[in-house]
Each structure stands twice: as C-alpha cells, then as structure tokens.
Amino acid sequence: MARKKPGPHPEKPLDTQIKTRADKETMEKIEYCMAKLNITRSEVLRRGVHSLYESLQEK
C-alpha cells in the first residue's frame, strides 16, 4: 500500500517540469508580474499560457 501525503490532493497535479531560457527583458516582466500579483513565477507563466490560448481560440 502506498503511503499518502497529508493535505488536499489537487484535481490537476503539476507533474511536468519545463526548463526554458529567457532574456533579461522577459525576466524583468515576469518579476514585475510576480510582484504586482503576489504569485509565483510558475503561476505567472501558467496564466500567460492560458491567456494566449484563450485569445487564439477566439479567432
């Protein structure tokens, strides 16, 4: 029997890791968004992908 971790289990587990390269300007924009929204870098990138995807679906 597998040992279960305590706490809630997410509906969509974050089980894929992505490594990318970015220039200084892009990192400054990500850090700005992080500070303004008080969220993590990963969350900034996830929201950006979702926003871009939704805008492409509208076309």
N, C-alpha and C. Protein backbone atom coordinates (compact mmCIF):
# COMPACT_ATOMS: atom_id res chain seq x y z
N MET A 1 0.85 -1.18 0.00
CA MET A 1 0.00 0.00 0.00
C MET A 1 0.90 1.25 0.00
N ALA A 2 0.60 2.19 -0.88
CA ALA A 2 1.40 3.41 -0.99
C ALA A 2 1.04 4.36 0.15
N ARG A 3 2.06 5.04 0.64
CA ARG A 3 1.85 6.00 1.72
C ARG A 3 1.30 7.29 1.12
N LYS A 4 0.23 7.79 1.68
CA LYS A 4 -0.40 9.01 1.17
C LYS A 4 0.18 10.23 1.86
N LYS A 5 0.32 11.30 1.10
CA LYS A 5 0.78 12.57 1.67
C LYS A 5 -0.39 13.27 2.34
N PRO A 6 -0.12 14.00 3.42
CA PRO A 6 -1.20 14.73 4.08
C PRO A 6 -1.62 15.94 3.24
N GLY A 7 -2.81 16.43 3.47
CA GLY A 7 -3.29 17.62 2.78
C GLY A 7 -4.14 17.29 1.58
N PRO A 8 -4.70 18.33 0.97
CA PRO A 8 -5.59 18.11 -0.17
C PRO A 8 -4.82 17.63 -1.40
N HIS A 9 -5.47 16.83 -2.20
CA HIS A 9 -4.88 16.34 -3.43
C HIS A 9 -5.42 17.19 -4.59
N PRO A 10 -4.55 17.80 -5.37
CA PRO A 10 -5.03 18.68 -6.45
C PRO A 10 -5.78 17.91 -7.52
N GLU A 11 -6.76 18.58 -8.11
CA GLU A 11 -7.54 17.98 -9.18
C GLU A 11 -6.66 17.74 -10.41
N LYS A 12 -5.77 18.71 -10.69
CA LYS A 12 -4.83 18.60 -11.81
C LYS A 12 -3.42 18.70 -11.25
N PRO A 13 -2.79 17.58 -10.94
CA PRO A 13 -1.44 17.63 -10.36
C PRO A 13 -0.43 18.24 -11.34
N LEU A 14 0.51 18.99 -10.80
CA LEU A 14 1.54 19.62 -11.59
C LEU A 14 2.73 18.67 -11.66
N ASP A 15 2.68 17.74 -12.60
CA ASP A 15 3.67 16.68 -12.64
C ASP A 15 4.67 16.80 -13.79
N THR A 16 4.58 17.86 -14.59
CA THR A 16 5.50 18.06 -15.70
C THR A 16 6.35 19.29 -15.44
N GLN A 17 7.65 19.14 -15.63
CA GLN A 17 8.57 20.24 -15.39
C GLN A 17 9.10 20.74 -16.74
N ILE A 18 9.14 22.07 -16.90
CA ILE A 18 9.63 22.69 -18.13
C ILE A 18 10.81 23.57 -17.79
N LYS A 19 11.86 23.46 -18.58
CA LYS A 19 13.02 24.31 -18.41
C LYS A 19 13.13 25.17 -19.66
N THR A 20 13.33 26.48 -19.48
CA THR A 20 13.39 27.38 -20.62
C THR A 20 14.44 28.45 -20.40
N ARG A 21 14.79 29.13 -21.46
CA ARG A 21 15.74 30.23 -21.38
C ARG A 21 14.98 31.51 -21.71
N ALA A 22 15.35 32.60 -21.03
CA ALA A 22 14.69 33.89 -21.27
C ALA A 22 15.72 35.00 -21.22
N ASP A 23 15.45 36.06 -21.97
CA ASP A 23 16.34 37.21 -21.93
C ASP A 23 16.02 38.08 -20.71
N LYS A 24 16.86 39.05 -20.46
CA LYS A 24 16.73 39.90 -19.28
C LYS A 24 15.40 40.66 -19.27
N GLU A 25 14.99 41.17 -20.43
CA GLU A 25 13.74 41.93 -20.52
C GLU A 25 12.53 41.06 -20.14
N THR A 26 12.51 39.83 -20.64
CA THR A 26 11.41 38.92 -20.33
C THR A 26 11.39 38.59 -18.84
N MET A 27 12.56 38.34 -18.26
CA MET A 27 12.62 38.05 -16.82
C MET A 27 12.16 39.24 -15.99
N GLU A 28 12.49 40.43 -16.41
CA GLU A 28 12.04 41.63 -15.69
C GLU A 28 10.52 41.74 -15.74
N LYS A 29 9.93 41.40 -16.87
CA LYS A 29 8.46 41.44 -16.99
C LYS A 29 7.82 40.37 -16.10
N ILE A 30 8.41 39.19 -16.08
CA ILE A 30 7.89 38.11 -15.22
C ILE A 30 7.98 38.53 -13.75
N GLU A 31 9.13 39.07 -13.37
CA GLU A 31 9.31 39.51 -11.97
C GLU A 31 8.36 40.64 -11.61
N TYR A 32 8.09 41.53 -12.54
CA TYR A 32 7.12 42.61 -12.31
C TYR A 32 5.74 42.01 -12.04
N CYS A 33 5.33 41.07 -12.88
CA CYS A 33 4.03 40.41 -12.69
C CYS A 33 3.97 39.68 -11.36
N MET A 34 5.07 39.01 -11.00
CA MET A 34 5.13 38.30 -9.72
C MET A 34 4.88 39.25 -8.56
N ALA A 35 5.55 40.41 -8.60
CA ALA A 35 5.44 41.38 -7.51
C ALA A 35 4.05 42.00 -7.45
N LYS A 36 3.49 42.37 -8.61
CA LYS A 36 2.18 43.03 -8.64
C LYS A 36 1.06 42.10 -8.21
N LEU A 37 1.16 40.83 -8.63
CA LEU A 37 0.08 39.88 -8.35
C LEU A 37 0.36 39.02 -7.12
N ASN A 38 1.58 39.11 -6.59
CA ASN A 38 1.99 38.31 -5.43
C ASN A 38 1.78 36.82 -5.69
N ILE A 39 2.29 36.37 -6.84
CA ILE A 39 2.19 34.96 -7.22
C ILE A 39 3.58 34.47 -7.65
N THR A 40 3.71 33.17 -7.81
CA THR A 40 4.98 32.57 -8.18
C THR A 40 5.27 32.74 -9.67
N ARG A 41 6.52 32.53 -10.03
CA ARG A 41 6.92 32.59 -11.43
C ARG A 41 6.14 31.57 -12.25
N SER A 42 5.98 30.37 -11.71
CA SER A 42 5.24 29.33 -12.42
C SER A 42 3.80 29.76 -12.67
N GLU A 43 3.19 30.39 -11.69
CA GLU A 43 1.80 30.82 -11.85
C GLU A 43 1.70 31.93 -12.89
N VAL A 44 2.67 32.84 -12.93
CA VAL A 44 2.69 33.88 -13.97
C VAL A 44 2.72 33.23 -15.35
N LEU A 45 3.60 32.24 -15.52
CA LEU A 45 3.73 31.58 -16.82
C LEU A 45 2.48 30.78 -17.17
N ARG A 46 1.89 30.08 -16.19
CA ARG A 46 0.65 29.34 -16.46
C ARG A 46 -0.46 30.28 -16.90
N ARG A 47 -0.61 31.40 -16.19
CA ARG A 47 -1.66 32.37 -16.57
C ARG A 47 -1.41 32.94 -17.95
N GLY A 48 -0.14 33.19 -18.28
CA GLY A 48 0.20 33.70 -19.60
C GLY A 48 -0.17 32.72 -20.70
N VAL A 49 0.13 31.44 -20.49
CA VAL A 49 -0.20 30.41 -21.47
C VAL A 49 -1.71 30.31 -21.63
N HIS A 50 -2.44 30.31 -20.54
CA HIS A 50 -3.90 30.21 -20.60
C HIS A 50 -4.49 31.41 -21.33
N SER A 51 -3.97 32.60 -21.05
CA SER A 51 -4.45 33.82 -21.70
C SER A 51 -4.19 33.78 -23.21
N LEU A 52 -3.01 33.39 -23.60
CA LEU A 52 -2.66 33.29 -25.02
C LEU A 52 -3.53 32.24 -25.71
N TYR A 53 -3.72 31.10 -25.07
CA TYR A 53 -4.54 30.02 -25.63
C TYR A 53 -5.97 30.51 -25.85
N GLU A 54 -6.54 31.18 -24.85
CA GLU A 54 -7.92 31.68 -24.97
C GLU A 54 -8.03 32.70 -26.10
N SER A 55 -7.05 33.57 -26.25
CA SER A 55 -7.12 34.56 -27.32
C SER A 55 -7.03 33.91 -28.69
N LEU A 56 -6.29 32.82 -28.81
CA LEU A 56 -6.19 32.10 -30.07
C LEU A 56 -7.49 31.34 -30.39
N GLN A 57 -8.19 30.88 -29.36
CA GLN A 57 -9.45 30.16 -29.55
C GLN A 57 -10.55 31.08 -30.05
N GLU A 58 -10.45 32.37 -29.75
CA GLU A 58 -11.49 33.33 -30.14
C GLU A 58 -11.42 33.66 -31.63
N LYS A 59 -10.32 33.35 -32.28
CA LYS A 59 -10.14 33.70 -33.70
C LYS A 59 -10.82 32.71 -34.61
